[in-house]
């Protein structure tokens, strides 16, 4: 099963594609980040929407795990993250699971391909667990 892990951080969407079978998790070199540089620009929002649509069409995940963020309070996500998440969800054609920050922090992880991908990778691993 192909599980895509996603984290929205600031003006970036970080993602990694994993393959999960029988409790074993593998990931290849399919990871990156996509930025939304201007949150109030029609052109930039459309470009981000196109990039997400293309990404999901190419990767064809069976499941998506997204690191959940707070929508209000002092530790809430910014406007860019909320807009990116909304655009992403509109393009998603498979089941999406939101994974809490607490669960992500508790999961030990050795040697992520890039340190900035740790939370996205943990979201994918936790989403893939039954």
Protein backbone atom coordinates (compact mmCIF):
# COMPACT_ATOMS: atom_id res chain seq x y z
CA UNK A 1 0.00 0.00 0.00
CA UNK A 2 1.31 3.44 -0.91
CA UNK A 3 0.96 5.91 1.96
CA UNK A 4 1.79 9.59 1.49
CA UNK A 5 2.91 11.46 4.60
CA UNK A 6 2.34 15.22 4.69
CA UNK A 7 3.21 18.08 7.02
CA UNK A 8 2.22 21.71 6.55
CA UNK A 9 4.83 23.95 8.17
CA UNK A 10 4.83 27.69 7.64
CA UNK A 11 4.47 28.22 3.90
CA UNK A 12 5.74 24.74 3.00
CA UNK A 13 4.06 21.42 2.40
CA UNK A 14 6.53 18.61 3.09
CA UNK A 15 5.76 15.14 1.78
CA UNK A 16 7.19 11.66 1.49
CA UNK A 17 5.79 8.54 -0.19
CA UNK A 18 6.11 5.24 1.66
CA UNK A 19 5.32 1.66 0.77
CA UNK A 20 3.80 -0.31 3.63
CA UNK A 21 3.14 -4.04 3.63
CA UNK A 22 2.71 -6.41 6.59
CA UNK A 23 4.00 -3.88 9.11
CA UNK A 24 7.14 -3.12 7.10
CA UNK A 25 7.71 0.46 5.94
CA UNK A 26 9.95 1.44 3.05
CA UNK A 27 10.50 4.78 1.42
CA UNK A 28 12.22 5.66 -1.79
CA UNK A 29 13.54 8.93 -3.11
CA UNK A 30 10.05 10.34 -3.56
CA UNK A 31 10.01 13.25 -1.16
CA UNK A 32 10.17 17.02 -1.43
CA UNK A 33 8.51 20.21 -0.35
CA UNK A 34 6.19 22.57 -2.18
CA UNK A 35 5.93 26.21 -1.15
CA UNK A 36 3.13 28.73 -1.28
CA UNK A 37 5.03 32.01 -1.42
CA UNK A 38 2.08 34.40 -1.62
CA UNK A 39 -1.08 33.46 0.27
CA UNK A 40 -3.23 36.25 -1.14
CA UNK A 41 -2.29 35.88 -4.77
CA UNK A 42 -4.75 34.17 -7.11
CA UNK A 43 -1.86 33.18 -9.38
CA UNK A 44 0.15 31.56 -6.57
CA UNK A 45 -2.88 29.73 -5.15
CA UNK A 46 -3.72 28.39 -8.62
CA UNK A 47 -0.10 27.32 -9.16
CA UNK A 48 -0.10 25.51 -5.79
CA UNK A 49 -3.40 23.83 -6.67
CA UNK A 50 -1.99 22.64 -10.00
CA UNK A 51 1.19 21.36 -8.32
CA UNK A 52 -0.84 19.37 -5.77
CA UNK A 53 -3.15 17.93 -8.43
CA UNK A 54 -0.17 16.85 -10.52
CA UNK A 55 1.66 15.39 -7.53
CA UNK A 56 -1.30 13.29 -6.39
CA UNK A 57 -2.06 12.13 -9.95
CA UNK A 58 1.55 10.97 -10.38
CA UNK A 59 2.01 9.34 -6.96
CA UNK A 60 -1.48 7.77 -6.72
CA UNK A 61 -1.38 7.12 -2.96
CA UNK A 62 -3.78 4.59 -1.42
CA UNK A 63 -3.82 6.51 1.86
CA UNK A 64 -2.65 9.91 3.10
CA UNK A 65 -1.44 10.74 6.60
CA UNK A 66 -1.35 14.41 7.52
CA UNK A 67 0.23 15.86 10.65
CA UNK A 68 -2.66 17.58 12.36
CA UNK A 69 -2.21 21.15 13.52
CA UNK A 70 -4.24 23.28 15.88
CA UNK A 71 -6.71 25.60 14.20
CA UNK A 72 -6.88 28.08 17.08
CA UNK A 73 -4.96 29.06 20.20
CA UNK A 74 -1.42 30.24 20.74
CA UNK A 75 0.15 27.28 18.92
CA UNK A 76 -2.24 27.38 15.97
CA UNK A 77 -1.22 27.06 12.35
CA UNK A 78 -0.83 30.12 10.19
CA UNK A 79 -3.06 31.15 7.34
CA UNK A 80 -0.75 29.67 4.71
CA UNK A 81 -0.86 26.20 6.29
CA UNK A 82 -4.65 26.28 6.52
CA UNK A 83 -5.00 27.34 2.87
CA UNK A 84 -2.52 24.70 1.70
CA UNK A 85 -4.31 21.98 3.67
CA UNK A 86 -7.67 23.00 2.17
CA UNK A 87 -6.30 22.91 -1.38
CA UNK A 88 -4.63 19.55 -0.68
CA UNK A 89 -7.84 18.02 0.69
CA UNK A 90 -9.83 19.21 -2.33
CA UNK A 91 -7.40 17.32 -4.59
CA UNK A 92 -7.12 14.14 -2.49
CA UNK A 93 -8.89 11.15 -4.05
CA UNK A 94 -8.22 8.63 -1.28
CA UNK A 95 -8.75 8.26 2.44
CA UNK A 96 -6.98 10.86 4.55
CA UNK A 97 -6.08 10.39 8.22
CA UNK A 98 -5.04 13.22 10.51
CA UNK A 99 -2.33 12.27 13.00
CA UNK A 100 -1.94 14.23 16.23
CA UNK A 101 1.32 15.95 17.13
CA UNK A 102 1.43 13.93 20.36
CA UNK A 103 1.40 10.60 18.48
CA UNK A 104 4.04 11.87 16.06
CA UNK A 105 6.34 12.99 18.89
CA UNK A 106 6.07 9.59 20.60
CA UNK A 107 7.08 7.57 17.53
CA UNK A 108 10.83 6.89 17.46
CA UNK A 109 12.41 7.29 14.04
CA UNK A 110 15.95 6.55 12.95
CA UNK A 111 17.56 7.94 9.84
CA UNK A 112 14.84 9.85 7.98
CA UNK A 113 16.01 10.73 4.46
CA UNK A 114 16.08 14.41 5.49
CA UNK A 115 15.53 15.80 8.99
CA UNK A 116 12.80 18.19 7.81
CA UNK A 117 10.78 15.16 6.62
CA UNK A 118 10.60 13.43 10.04
CA UNK A 119 7.05 14.53 10.84
CA UNK A 120 5.71 13.74 7.37
CA UNK A 121 7.34 10.29 7.50
CA UNK A 122 5.93 9.63 10.97
CA UNK A 123 2.46 10.73 9.76
CA UNK A 124 2.70 8.19 6.91
CA UNK A 125 3.86 5.39 9.20
CA UNK A 126 1.12 6.04 11.77
CA UNK A 127 -1.59 6.40 9.11
CA UNK A 128 -0.60 3.04 7.64
CA UNK A 129 -0.94 1.20 10.95
CA UNK A 130 -4.24 -0.61 11.28
